[in-house]
Amino acid sequence: MTKMIFVNLPVTNVARATAFYEAIGMKKNPMFSNEQASAMEWSDTIMFMLLDHAFYATFTTKKIIDAKTVSGALLALSRDSRAEVDSITEAAIAAGGREARDKQDLGFMYSRAFEDLDGHVFEPLWMDMAAAEQALAPAQA
């Protein structure tokens, strides 16, 4: 079996959240979606499950945080270019999200951050792995 990851996110409005995630390039998988949840495909092996608060609460006894005021996770999304980092961030802002911090450009790595409609933070990033290895390698004596 292929290893997969399902990121479960509590949302206040499944239909609005679904439209937001479609606007940033994800595809809804109808097999795992209904009025309480939308399964949004990021890739063949990564799915974001958007669950209304009542449904999300059936999976945990913990209090559901307000991600607009409390940080619970930062979700990094690799992209193939700086332009793709900018594109997904601009799409998120256009769909009602907000930029969460200034751009970060380290030369070998470029990233931005945005919040979805419920405050969950995504950090799209591009990295030149060869340049990163060189920049981050301990100095050779």
Protein backbone atom coordinates (compact mmCIF):
# COMPACT_ATOMS: atom_id res chain seq x y z
CA MET A 1 0.00 0.00 0.00
CA THR A 2 1.24 3.49 -0.85
CA LYS A 3 1.90 5.64 2.20
CA MET A 4 -0.41 8.64 2.34
CA ILE A 5 -1.04 11.54 4.66
CA PHE A 6 -4.44 12.98 5.50
CA VAL A 7 -4.28 16.39 7.18
CA ASN A 8 -7.53 16.96 9.06
CA LEU A 9 -8.46 20.62 9.49
CA PRO A 10 -11.45 21.99 11.40
CA VAL A 11 -13.35 24.59 9.35
CA THR A 12 -16.33 26.76 10.16
CA ASN A 13 -17.95 26.46 6.73
CA VAL A 14 -17.19 23.41 4.56
CA ALA A 15 -18.55 24.91 1.32
CA ARG A 16 -16.55 28.15 1.67
CA ALA A 17 -13.42 26.26 2.68
CA THR A 18 -13.83 23.91 -0.29
CA ALA A 19 -14.07 26.86 -2.69
CA PHE A 20 -10.92 28.38 -1.14
CA TYR A 21 -8.91 25.17 -1.53
CA GLU A 22 -10.13 24.74 -5.11
CA ALA A 23 -9.00 28.34 -5.80
CA ILE A 24 -5.44 27.46 -4.72
CA GLY A 25 -5.34 24.44 -7.01
CA MET A 26 -6.64 21.49 -5.03
CA LYS A 27 -9.24 19.08 -6.38
CA LYS A 28 -12.21 17.82 -4.36
CA ASN A 29 -12.46 14.04 -4.12
CA PRO A 30 -16.22 13.35 -4.03
CA MET A 31 -15.76 9.80 -2.73
CA PHE A 32 -14.68 11.16 0.67
CA SER A 33 -16.77 14.35 0.72
CA ASN A 34 -20.22 15.25 1.99
CA GLU A 35 -21.94 18.15 3.82
CA GLN A 36 -19.66 17.65 6.85
CA ALA A 37 -16.36 17.21 5.05
CA SER A 38 -14.45 17.82 1.86
CA ALA A 39 -11.45 15.74 0.85
CA MET A 40 -9.12 18.06 -1.05
CA GLU A 41 -6.32 16.42 -3.05
CA TRP A 42 -2.92 18.12 -2.93
CA SER A 43 -1.19 15.18 -4.62
CA ASP A 44 -1.66 11.45 -5.13
CA THR A 45 -0.49 10.86 -1.57
CA ILE A 46 -1.54 13.99 0.36
CA MET A 47 -5.13 14.90 1.16
CA PHE A 48 -6.49 17.79 3.21
CA MET A 49 -9.68 16.82 4.99
CA LEU A 50 -11.82 19.90 5.69
CA LEU A 51 -14.14 18.92 8.53
CA ASP A 52 -16.88 21.03 10.07
CA HIS A 53 -16.35 21.56 13.79
CA ALA A 54 -19.04 19.08 14.88
CA PHE A 55 -17.59 16.31 12.71
CA TYR A 56 -13.98 17.16 13.65
CA ALA A 57 -14.99 16.92 17.34
CA THR A 58 -15.90 13.23 16.83
CA PHE A 59 -12.17 12.49 16.34
CA THR A 60 -10.83 14.21 19.45
CA THR A 61 -11.74 15.03 23.03
CA LYS A 62 -9.57 18.15 22.93
CA LYS A 63 -10.87 21.67 22.47
CA ILE A 64 -10.79 22.83 18.85
CA ILE A 65 -8.51 25.85 18.61
CA ASP A 66 -9.25 29.08 16.82
CA ALA A 67 -6.39 29.00 14.31
CA LYS A 68 -6.82 32.74 13.75
CA THR A 69 -5.48 33.38 17.26
CA VAL A 70 -3.57 30.21 18.24
CA SER A 71 -0.91 28.43 16.18
CA GLY A 72 -1.21 24.67 16.13
CA ALA A 73 0.75 23.81 12.98
CA LEU A 74 2.53 25.38 10.03
CA LEU A 75 1.99 23.42 6.83
CA ALA A 76 4.86 23.72 4.34
CA LEU A 77 4.02 23.02 0.70
CA SER A 78 6.88 22.48 -1.74
CA ARG A 79 6.58 24.18 -5.12
CA ASP A 80 8.69 23.79 -8.27
CA SER A 81 9.63 27.47 -8.65
CA ARG A 82 9.53 30.90 -7.04
CA ALA A 83 6.76 31.78 -9.49
CA GLU A 84 4.66 28.87 -8.18
CA VAL A 85 5.20 30.09 -4.60
CA ASP A 86 3.94 33.51 -5.63
CA SER A 87 1.07 32.07 -7.68
CA ILE A 88 -0.43 29.93 -4.90
CA THR A 89 -0.01 32.74 -2.36
CA GLU A 90 -1.68 35.30 -4.64
CA ALA A 91 -4.50 32.82 -5.37
CA ALA A 92 -5.01 32.32 -1.63
CA ILE A 93 -5.21 36.07 -1.03
CA ALA A 94 -7.62 36.53 -3.96
CA ALA A 95 -9.84 33.75 -2.52
CA GLY A 96 -10.15 35.51 0.85
CA GLY A 97 -7.05 34.30 2.67
CA ARG A 98 -4.41 36.65 4.03
CA GLU A 99 -0.65 36.84 3.82
CA ALA A 100 0.72 35.68 7.17
CA ARG A 101 4.23 37.17 6.98
CA ASP A 102 6.71 38.86 4.67
CA LYS A 103 8.43 36.90 1.89
CA GLN A 104 11.62 35.11 2.91
CA ASP A 105 14.39 34.86 0.32
CA LEU A 106 17.57 33.06 1.36
CA GLY A 107 18.80 32.66 -2.21
CA PHE A 108 18.66 28.86 -2.16
CA MET A 109 15.16 28.95 -0.62
CA TYR A 110 12.19 31.23 -1.24
CA SER A 111 8.98 31.10 0.79
CA ARG A 112 5.83 32.97 1.64
CA ALA A 113 3.01 32.23 4.05
CA PHE A 114 -0.76 32.58 3.93
CA GLU A 115 -3.73 31.78 6.14
CA ASP A 116 -6.82 30.04 4.84
CA LEU A 117 -10.29 31.31 5.79
CA ASP A 118 -10.08 29.61 9.21
CA GLY A 119 -6.55 30.81 10.02
CA HIS A 120 -4.60 27.63 9.17
CA VAL A 121 -1.14 28.70 8.01
CA PHE A 122 0.43 27.36 4.83
CA GLU A 123 4.01 28.07 3.81
CA PRO A 124 4.63 27.44 0.11
CA LEU A 125 8.34 27.18 -0.59
CA TRP A 126 10.82 26.57 -3.37
CA MET A 127 14.30 25.25 -2.66
CA ASP A 128 17.36 24.64 -4.82
CA MET A 129 18.62 21.52 -3.01
CA ALA A 130 22.15 21.65 -4.44
CA ALA A 131 22.54 25.29 -3.41
CA ALA A 132 20.98 24.52 -0.01
CA GLU A 133 23.46 21.71 0.62
CA GLN A 134 26.32 24.03 -0.26
CA ALA A 135 24.99 26.93 1.82
CA LEU A 136 24.18 24.81 4.86
CA ALA A 137 27.23 22.49 4.79
CA PRO A 138 29.65 22.96 7.69
CA ALA A 139 32.71 24.93 6.68
CA GLN A 140 35.47 22.58 5.52
CA ALA A 141 38.80 23.14 7.24
